[in-house]
Protein backbone atom coordinates (compact mmCIF):
# COMPACT_ATOMS: atom_id res chain seq x y z
CA UNK A 1 74.22 132.99 82.29
CA UNK A 2 74.31 129.71 80.59
CA UNK A 3 77.73 128.96 81.81
CA UNK A 4 77.12 129.11 85.22
CA UNK A 5 73.85 126.68 84.53
CA UNK A 6 75.98 124.22 83.02
CA UNK A 7 78.75 124.40 85.93
CA UNK A 8 76.04 123.91 88.71
CA UNK A 9 74.68 121.72 86.90
CA UNK A 10 78.23 119.13 86.91
CA UNK A 11 78.89 120.01 90.38
CA UNK A 12 75.17 118.15 91.12
CA UNK A 13 75.64 115.08 89.15
CA UNK A 14 80.13 114.61 90.53
CA UNK A 15 77.95 115.74 94.37
CA UNK A 16 75.23 112.22 93.44
CA UNK A 17 78.17 110.10 92.13
CA UNK A 18 79.49 110.44 95.74
CA UNK A 19 76.44 108.94 97.77
CA UNK A 20 74.73 105.40 97.56
CA UNK A 21 77.16 102.39 98.54
CA UNK A 22 78.80 100.20 95.87
CA UNK A 23 80.07 96.74 95.64
CA UNK A 24 82.23 95.15 94.71
CA UNK A 25 82.78 91.66 94.09
CA UNK A 26 86.69 90.34 95.19
CA UNK A 27 88.63 88.47 92.34
CA UNK A 28 92.19 88.35 92.01
CA UNK A 29 94.07 90.41 89.33
CA UNK A 30 94.85 87.30 86.31
CA UNK A 31 97.80 85.07 86.80
CA UNK A 32 101.66 85.73 85.25
CA UNK A 33 101.26 82.71 82.76
CA UNK A 34 104.98 82.21 83.21
CA UNK A 35 106.08 78.52 84.22
CA UNK A 36 105.85 78.08 88.49
CA UNK A 37 109.68 77.69 89.44
CA UNK A 38 110.75 74.36 91.29
CA UNK A 39 110.04 74.10 95.22
CA UNK A 40 113.11 75.02 96.95
CA UNK A 41 110.03 73.83 100.46
CA UNK A 42 106.98 72.86 101.65
CA UNK A 43 104.01 74.86 103.37
CA UNK A 44 100.81 73.87 104.99
CA UNK A 45 98.55 77.50 104.41
CA UNK A 46 95.69 77.57 107.59
CA UNK A 47 92.46 79.08 106.74
CA UNK A 48 93.25 83.27 107.06
CA UNK A 49 91.93 84.30 110.89
CA UNK A 50 90.15 87.71 109.91
CA UNK A 51 90.55 90.46 112.50
CA UNK A 52 89.20 93.19 110.63
CA UNK A 53 86.05 95.47 112.83
CA UNK A 54 82.91 94.71 111.91
CA UNK A 55 80.57 96.08 109.65
CA UNK A 56 83.19 93.10 108.04
CA UNK A 57 81.27 93.55 104.59
CA UNK A 58 82.00 97.34 104.51
CA UNK A 59 85.97 97.20 102.66
CA UNK A 60 86.11 101.19 101.40
CA UNK A 61 84.73 104.73 101.86
CA UNK A 62 83.11 107.04 99.02
CA UNK A 63 84.62 110.53 98.80
CA UNK A 64 82.89 113.96 97.52
CA UNK A 65 84.54 116.08 96.61
CA UNK A 66 85.47 117.86 99.29
CA UNK A 67 86.73 114.96 101.48
CA UNK A 68 83.42 113.83 103.11
CA UNK A 69 82.48 109.87 103.66
CA UNK A 70 79.55 109.51 102.02
CA UNK A 71 78.46 106.02 101.73
CA UNK A 72 80.29 102.92 101.43
CA UNK A 73 81.58 100.48 99.36
CA UNK A 74 80.30 97.01 100.07
CA UNK A 75 80.67 93.16 99.29
CA UNK A 76 79.61 89.84 100.69
CA UNK A 77 82.76 87.56 99.48
CA UNK A 78 84.46 85.68 101.68
CA UNK A 79 87.20 87.69 102.03
CA UNK A 80 89.54 85.78 104.23
CA UNK A 81 88.38 82.84 100.88
CA UNK A 82 89.94 85.89 98.55
CA UNK A 83 93.21 86.41 100.94
CA UNK A 84 93.02 82.82 101.36
CA UNK A 85 93.55 82.63 97.29
CA UNK A 86 96.02 84.84 96.98
CA UNK A 87 98.78 83.48 98.96
CA UNK A 88 98.22 79.55 97.35
CA UNK A 89 98.94 81.60 93.55
CA UNK A 90 102.06 83.14 94.78
CA UNK A 91 103.87 81.40 97.72
CA UNK A 92 104.45 78.95 94.03
CA UNK A 93 105.13 81.52 92.94
CA UNK A 94 108.29 81.87 94.57
CA UNK A 95 109.66 78.08 94.72
CA UNK A 96 107.33 77.59 98.35
CA UNK A 97 104.68 74.15 97.70
CA UNK A 98 101.65 74.62 99.46
CA UNK A 99 100.14 70.71 100.93
CA UNK A 100 97.28 69.77 103.14
CA UNK A 101 97.83 68.63 106.11
CA UNK A 102 101.07 66.90 106.28
CA UNK A 103 103.02 66.58 109.30
CA UNK A 104 106.20 67.95 109.91
CA UNK A 105 105.60 70.42 107.08
CA UNK A 106 105.95 74.30 108.74
CA UNK A 107 103.26 75.74 108.78
CA UNK A 108 101.65 79.40 108.33
CA UNK A 109 99.63 81.11 109.83
CA UNK A 110 97.40 85.13 108.85
CA UNK A 111 95.47 87.62 110.01
CA UNK A 112 93.60 89.89 108.01
CA UNK A 113 94.18 93.43 110.03
CA UNK A 114 91.92 95.61 107.28
CA UNK A 115 91.20 95.54 103.11
CA UNK A 116 89.78 98.98 102.78
CA UNK A 117 90.26 100.94 99.20
CA UNK A 118 89.33 105.00 99.06
CA UNK A 119 88.03 106.84 96.35
CA UNK A 120 89.23 110.68 97.03
CA UNK A 121 90.65 111.95 93.40
CA UNK A 122 91.70 108.70 92.18
CA UNK A 123 91.72 105.45 93.79
CA UNK A 124 94.09 103.63 96.48
CA UNK A 125 93.65 99.81 98.88
CA UNK A 126 95.23 98.77 101.10
CA UNK A 127 95.38 94.82 102.91
CA UNK A 128 97.74 94.86 105.84
CA UNK A 129 97.63 90.77 107.66
CA UNK A 130 99.91 89.60 109.61
CA UNK A 131 101.51 86.82 109.24
CA UNK A 132 103.29 83.64 111.08
CA UNK A 133 104.88 81.27 109.82
CA UNK A 134 106.07 78.16 112.53
CA UNK A 135 108.11 75.59 112.42
CA UNK A 136 109.88 72.73 114.44
CA UNK A 137 113.45 73.88 115.77
CA UNK A 138 112.85 77.68 115.07
CA UNK A 139 111.76 80.48 116.91
CA UNK A 140 108.31 81.73 114.99
CA UNK A 141 108.64 84.14 112.50
CA UNK A 142 106.57 86.91 112.52
CA UNK A 143 105.63 89.57 109.51
CA UNK A 144 103.77 92.30 109.14
CA UNK A 145 102.72 93.34 105.29
CA UNK A 146 100.90 96.33 103.87
CA UNK A 147 99.58 95.76 99.89
CA UNK A 148 98.80 99.07 98.06
CA UNK A 149 97.49 98.88 95.33
CA UNK A 150 95.47 101.92 93.17
CA UNK A 151 92.97 102.18 90.42
CA UNK A 152 93.94 105.00 89.29
CA UNK A 153 91.15 108.05 88.31
CA UNK A 154 88.36 107.81 90.06
CA UNK A 155 85.45 109.27 87.66
CA UNK A 156 82.80 107.77 89.46
CA UNK A 157 83.76 105.85 92.35
CA UNK A 158 82.27 102.30 90.68
CA UNK A 159 82.77 98.78 92.98
CA UNK A 160 84.08 96.95 89.73
CA UNK A 161 87.28 99.99 90.19
CA UNK A 162 87.41 99.88 94.10
CA UNK A 163 87.24 95.44 92.82
CA UNK A 164 89.96 96.39 91.06
CA UNK A 165 92.05 98.07 93.05
CA UNK A 166 91.78 96.02 96.32
CA UNK A 167 92.87 93.53 93.74
CA UNK A 168 96.01 94.51 93.47
CA UNK A 169 96.51 95.98 96.65
CA UNK A 170 95.72 91.93 97.73
CA UNK A 171 98.20 91.10 95.37
CA UNK A 172 101.00 92.76 96.42
CA UNK A 173 99.94 91.49 99.90
CA UNK A 174 100.47 88.41 98.75
CA UNK A 175 103.74 88.15 96.93
CA UNK A 176 105.62 90.44 100.22
CA UNK A 177 104.04 87.81 102.27
CA UNK A 178 105.84 84.59 100.23
CA UNK A 179 108.76 86.28 100.59
CA UNK A 180 108.52 86.29 103.94
CA UNK A 181 107.39 82.95 104.17
CA UNK A 182 110.33 81.66 100.88
CA UNK A 183 113.18 83.21 103.59
CA UNK A 184 111.29 81.72 107.51
CA UNK A 185 111.86 78.15 105.66
CA UNK A 186 114.38 78.40 103.32
CA UNK A 187 117.09 79.61 106.85
CA UNK A 188 117.90 77.55 108.75
CA UNK A 189 117.61 76.30 112.19
CA UNK A 190 119.75 78.14 114.31
CA UNK A 191 121.69 74.61 115.95
CA UNK A 192 120.37 73.97 119.70
CA UNK A 193 122.69 74.45 122.55
CA UNK A 194 124.35 71.86 123.97
């Protein structure tokens, strides 16, 4: 009889943890201290455009043991600035210098399509971006990038754990975007038809 009461109390506590919105502070994971490679090209990074559906302050879901969405993960942080900051970290790591407003350098435009963390038995995160690289004399390079992150086992669905999961996802997305940009700007433009 005592074990039944304990199990019921435990279930009540676990169910209660699934309710109530969480707050995630968006930050970038610690940056690798390894030295940066010499730049092979420069780009101008335009301010990312946030195309996520409203309400944009919602960046994740909390779920109960039945996978029902019981609460939201919210942020008051600037998601576009967070993504831009991730790209400013990762572009130099692949040899692409980021410059402001220089004439004649390729431009990188980014659309943010999804920023989402989910907590069920474990955490999972996704950051989806469209990346467009424009350079003179060449067709635009357009790529869709999906960044994935995880935060381990979900014990209490905390805002900090959701934030860590989203940080992993934005790092993954920024690294994939940086590789796309490097490939686009280092591929020679096709010769004009004569």
